[in-house]
Amino acid sequence: MSREIKDAQSQEKMEENVEEKELVNECAVEEEDADVKDDKEQQLELLGQKLAEINDKYLRLSAEFDNYRKRTLKEKMELTKNAGELVLEKILPVMDNFERALQSMETAADVPALREGVLLIYGAFKDFLFQQGVKEIECVNMGFDPDTQEAVSKIPAPTEELKGKVVDCVQKGYTLHDKVMRFPKVVVGE
C-alpha cells in the first residue's frame, strides 16, 4: 500500500505543480495583458500627438496658401489696373502733336504744309502702334478669308481676276501679336 500512497501523493504533488504552473501562467498572462494595454495606450497617445502635429501643419499650410492666393490676386488686380499706363504715357506725345496741328489749322494759310504735318503725326502714331505689336491686316486684292475678314457686301467684280477677292476695304483690321484685334470690313467681288 505504501506504493499506492506514494503514487497518490506523487499524483497530488503533480496536480499541485500543474495548478501552481497554471496560476503562474495566468499571472504572467495578466501581466502581459497589462503590458499590452500600456503599450497600446502609449501608441494611441503617440498617434494622437502625431495627429495634432499634422493637423497643426495642415492648418498653417492652408492659411499660408490662402494668404498667397489673396496676395497674388491683389497683385494681378493692381497689374491690370496699371497695365495700360505705360501705353497711354507713350500716346501723350502724339496727342500733343495733334493739339499743335489743331492750333495751327486755325491760323494756317498754307494747306499743303498743314497736310504734311498731319501726315507726320499719322506716321508717328502708326510707328507707335507697330512698336506695341499692332499690325494692319492687308486685304485689298487678296482672296477673301472669312476667318480674318468680315464681308459687308458683294459687288460685281470689276475684272475677272478680282472674283472671290477683296475689292475694297471699308474699315481696316488690325492684329495684336498675330491675334486679330479687329476684323477688316471688306467688299468682295463676285
Protein backbone atom coordinates (compact mmCIF):
# COMPACT_ATOMS: atom_id res chain seq x y z
CA MET A 1 0.00 0.00 0.00
CA SER A 2 2.72 2.26 0.55
CA ARG A 3 3.42 2.27 -3.06
CA GLU A 4 -0.14 3.32 -3.77
CA ILE A 5 0.10 6.00 -1.17
CA LYS A 6 3.31 7.20 -2.66
CA ASP A 7 1.76 7.15 -6.09
CA ALA A 8 -1.27 9.06 -4.80
CA GLN A 9 0.99 11.55 -3.07
CA SER A 10 3.03 11.95 -6.21
CA GLN A 11 -0.15 12.38 -8.17
CA GLU A 12 -1.28 15.09 -5.75
CA LYS A 13 2.07 16.84 -5.94
CA MET A 14 1.96 16.74 -9.70
CA GLU A 15 -1.54 18.18 -9.68
CA GLU A 16 -0.41 20.87 -7.25
CA ASN A 17 2.54 21.62 -9.50
CA VAL A 18 0.24 21.84 -12.50
CA GLU A 19 -2.09 24.14 -10.58
CA GLU A 20 0.85 26.30 -9.50
CA LYS A 21 2.10 26.45 -13.07
CA GLU A 22 -1.36 27.39 -14.27
CA LEU A 23 -1.54 30.11 -11.62
CA VAL A 24 1.89 31.37 -12.63
CA ASN A 25 0.88 31.31 -16.29
CA GLU A 26 -2.35 33.15 -15.52
CA CYS A 27 -0.40 35.80 -13.64
CA ALA A 28 2.07 36.06 -16.48
CA VAL A 29 -0.79 36.41 -18.99
CA GLU A 30 -2.42 39.07 -16.84
CA GLU A 31 0.88 40.90 -16.60
CA GLU A 32 1.34 40.61 -20.38
CA ASP A 33 -2.22 41.89 -20.91
CA ALA A 34 -1.46 44.84 -18.65
CA ASP A 35 1.80 45.46 -20.56
CA VAL A 36 -0.03 45.20 -23.90
CA LYS A 37 -2.68 47.65 -22.65
CA ASP A 38 0.05 50.04 -21.52
CA ASP A 39 1.80 49.70 -24.90
CA LYS A 40 -1.48 50.32 -26.75
CA GLU A 41 -2.23 53.35 -24.62
CA GLN A 42 1.26 54.70 -25.29
CA GLN A 43 0.87 54.06 -29.02
CA LEU A 44 -2.53 55.78 -29.01
CA GLU A 45 -1.04 58.72 -27.17
CA LEU A 46 1.83 58.94 -29.69
CA LEU A 47 -0.60 58.71 -32.59
CA GLY A 48 -2.73 61.43 -31.02
CA GLN A 49 0.33 63.68 -30.73
CA LYS A 50 1.32 62.97 -34.35
CA LEU A 51 -2.23 63.72 -35.48
CA ALA A 52 -2.18 67.02 -33.59
CA GLU A 53 1.18 67.93 -35.19
CA ILE A 54 -0.02 67.02 -38.69
CA ASN A 55 -3.29 68.92 -38.17
CA ASP A 56 -1.33 71.98 -36.98
CA LYS A 57 0.95 71.77 -40.04
CA TYR A 58 -2.09 71.44 -42.30
CA LEU A 59 -3.80 74.47 -40.76
CA ARG A 60 -0.63 76.57 -41.09
CA LEU A 61 -0.11 75.47 -44.69
CA SER A 62 -3.75 76.18 -45.51
CA ALA A 63 -3.50 79.66 -44.01
CA GLU A 64 -0.23 80.29 -45.84
CA PHE A 65 -1.78 79.25 -49.17
CA ASP A 66 -4.83 81.42 -48.53
CA ASN A 67 -2.56 84.41 -47.85
CA TYR A 68 -0.56 83.66 -51.02
CA ARG A 69 -3.75 83.43 -53.09
CA LYS A 70 -5.04 86.74 -51.74
CA ARG A 71 -1.68 88.45 -52.30
CA THR A 72 -1.36 87.25 -55.91
CA LEU A 73 -4.97 88.21 -56.63
CA LYS A 74 -4.30 91.70 -55.30
CA GLU A 75 -1.10 91.95 -57.38
CA LYS A 76 -2.97 90.86 -60.52
CA MET A 77 -5.68 93.45 -59.91
CA GLU A 78 -3.07 96.18 -59.49
CA LEU A 79 -1.22 94.99 -62.58
CA THR A 80 -4.32 95.04 -64.77
CA LYS A 81 -5.34 98.41 -63.32
CA ASN A 82 -1.97 99.96 -64.18
CA ALA A 83 -1.11 97.90 -67.28
CA GLY A 84 -2.33 100.50 -69.73
CA GLU A 85 -0.43 103.31 -68.02
CA LEU A 86 2.79 102.72 -69.98
CA VAL A 87 0.95 102.59 -73.30
CA LEU A 88 -1.08 105.70 -72.53
CA GLU A 89 2.07 107.52 -71.42
CA LYS A 90 3.61 106.83 -74.85
CA ILE A 91 0.48 108.10 -76.63
CA LEU A 92 0.64 111.50 -74.90
CA PRO A 93 3.28 112.97 -77.30
CA VAL A 94 1.04 112.04 -80.26
CA MET A 95 -1.83 113.82 -78.50
CA ASP A 96 0.38 116.89 -78.03
CA ASN A 97 1.21 116.88 -81.75
CA PHE A 98 -2.48 116.67 -82.65
CA GLU A 99 -3.21 119.67 -80.41
CA ARG A 100 -0.43 121.68 -82.11
CA ALA A 101 -1.84 120.73 -85.51
CA LEU A 102 -5.34 121.85 -84.47
CA GLN A 103 -3.95 125.20 -83.24
CA SER A 104 -2.05 125.74 -86.46
CA MET A 105 -5.17 124.92 -88.54
CA GLU A 106 -6.90 127.98 -87.15
CA THR A 107 -4.23 130.40 -88.39
CA ALA A 108 -2.62 128.47 -91.26
CA ALA A 109 -2.96 129.63 -94.82
CA ASP A 110 -0.58 127.02 -96.19
CA VAL A 111 -2.76 123.89 -96.56
CA PRO A 112 -0.05 121.64 -98.07
CA ALA A 113 2.22 122.29 -95.05
CA LEU A 114 -0.66 121.54 -92.70
CA ARG A 115 -1.36 118.32 -94.57
CA GLU A 116 2.29 117.34 -94.29
CA GLY A 117 2.23 117.98 -90.53
CA VAL A 118 -0.85 115.80 -90.06
CA LEU A 119 0.79 113.06 -92.15
CA LEU A 120 3.86 113.22 -89.88
CA ILE A 121 1.63 112.80 -86.82
CA TYR A 122 -0.16 109.90 -88.52
CA GLY A 123 3.21 108.27 -89.30
CA ALA A 124 4.40 108.70 -85.70
CA PHE A 125 1.18 107.17 -84.38
CA LYS A 126 1.38 104.26 -86.84
CA ASP A 127 5.01 103.61 -85.74
CA PHE A 128 3.92 103.67 -82.10
CA LEU A 129 1.22 101.08 -82.76
CA PHE A 130 3.73 98.91 -84.64
CA GLN A 131 6.13 99.07 -81.65
CA GLN A 132 3.29 97.88 -79.41
CA GLY A 133 2.73 94.83 -81.67
CA VAL A 134 -0.27 96.19 -83.59
CA LYS A 135 -0.18 95.45 -87.33
CA GLU A 136 -2.63 96.32 -90.09
CA ILE A 137 -4.22 93.39 -91.90
CA GLU A 138 -3.57 93.73 -95.64
CA CYS A 139 -6.61 92.56 -97.53
CA VAL A 140 -7.29 94.57 -100.75
CA ASN A 141 -6.82 92.49 -103.94
CA MET A 142 -6.32 89.33 -101.84
CA GLY A 143 -8.57 86.30 -101.58
CA PHE A 144 -11.48 86.61 -99.15
CA ASP A 145 -10.80 84.77 -95.86
CA PRO A 146 -13.83 84.53 -93.55
CA ASP A 147 -11.55 83.67 -90.60
CA THR A 148 -9.75 87.01 -90.72
CA GLN A 149 -12.16 89.26 -92.66
CA GLU A 150 -15.77 90.38 -92.39
CA ALA A 151 -17.68 90.82 -95.67
CA VAL A 152 -20.09 93.75 -95.54
CA SER A 153 -21.24 93.49 -99.14
CA LYS A 154 -20.68 91.86 -102.50
CA ILE A 155 -20.40 93.69 -105.78
CA PRO A 156 -19.79 92.54 -109.34
CA ALA A 157 -16.05 92.16 -109.82
CA PRO A 158 -14.55 94.94 -111.99
CA THR A 159 -12.25 92.38 -113.62
CA GLU A 160 -12.28 88.62 -113.93
CA GLU A 161 -9.18 88.41 -111.69
CA LEU A 162 -11.00 90.00 -108.72
CA LYS A 163 -13.78 87.40 -108.50
CA GLY A 164 -13.77 85.98 -104.96
CA LYS A 165 -11.23 88.57 -103.89
CA VAL A 166 -11.46 91.70 -101.76
CA VAL A 167 -12.25 94.69 -103.95
CA ASP A 168 -12.38 97.38 -101.27
CA CYS A 169 -11.74 97.76 -97.53
CA VAL A 170 -14.44 99.77 -95.72
CA GLN A 171 -12.72 99.60 -92.32
CA LYS A 172 -9.15 98.44 -91.68
CA GLY A 173 -8.49 95.46 -89.45
CA TYR A 174 -5.62 95.00 -87.02
CA THR A 175 -3.78 92.21 -85.23
CA LEU A 176 -2.02 92.37 -81.88
CA HIS A 177 0.87 89.90 -81.76
CA ASP A 178 -0.73 87.82 -84.54
CA LYS A 179 -4.15 87.70 -82.83
CA VAL A 180 -6.95 89.53 -84.62
CA MET A 181 -7.96 92.62 -82.62
CA ARG A 182 -10.45 93.91 -85.15
CA PHE A 183 -11.59 92.21 -88.32
CA PRO A 184 -11.38 94.29 -91.51
CA LYS A 185 -14.75 95.07 -93.10
CA VAL A 186 -14.42 94.37 -96.80
CA VAL A 187 -16.32 94.40 -100.06
CA VAL A 188 -15.97 91.15 -102.05
CA GLY A 189 -16.14 90.84 -105.82
CA GLU A 190 -18.36 88.16 -107.33
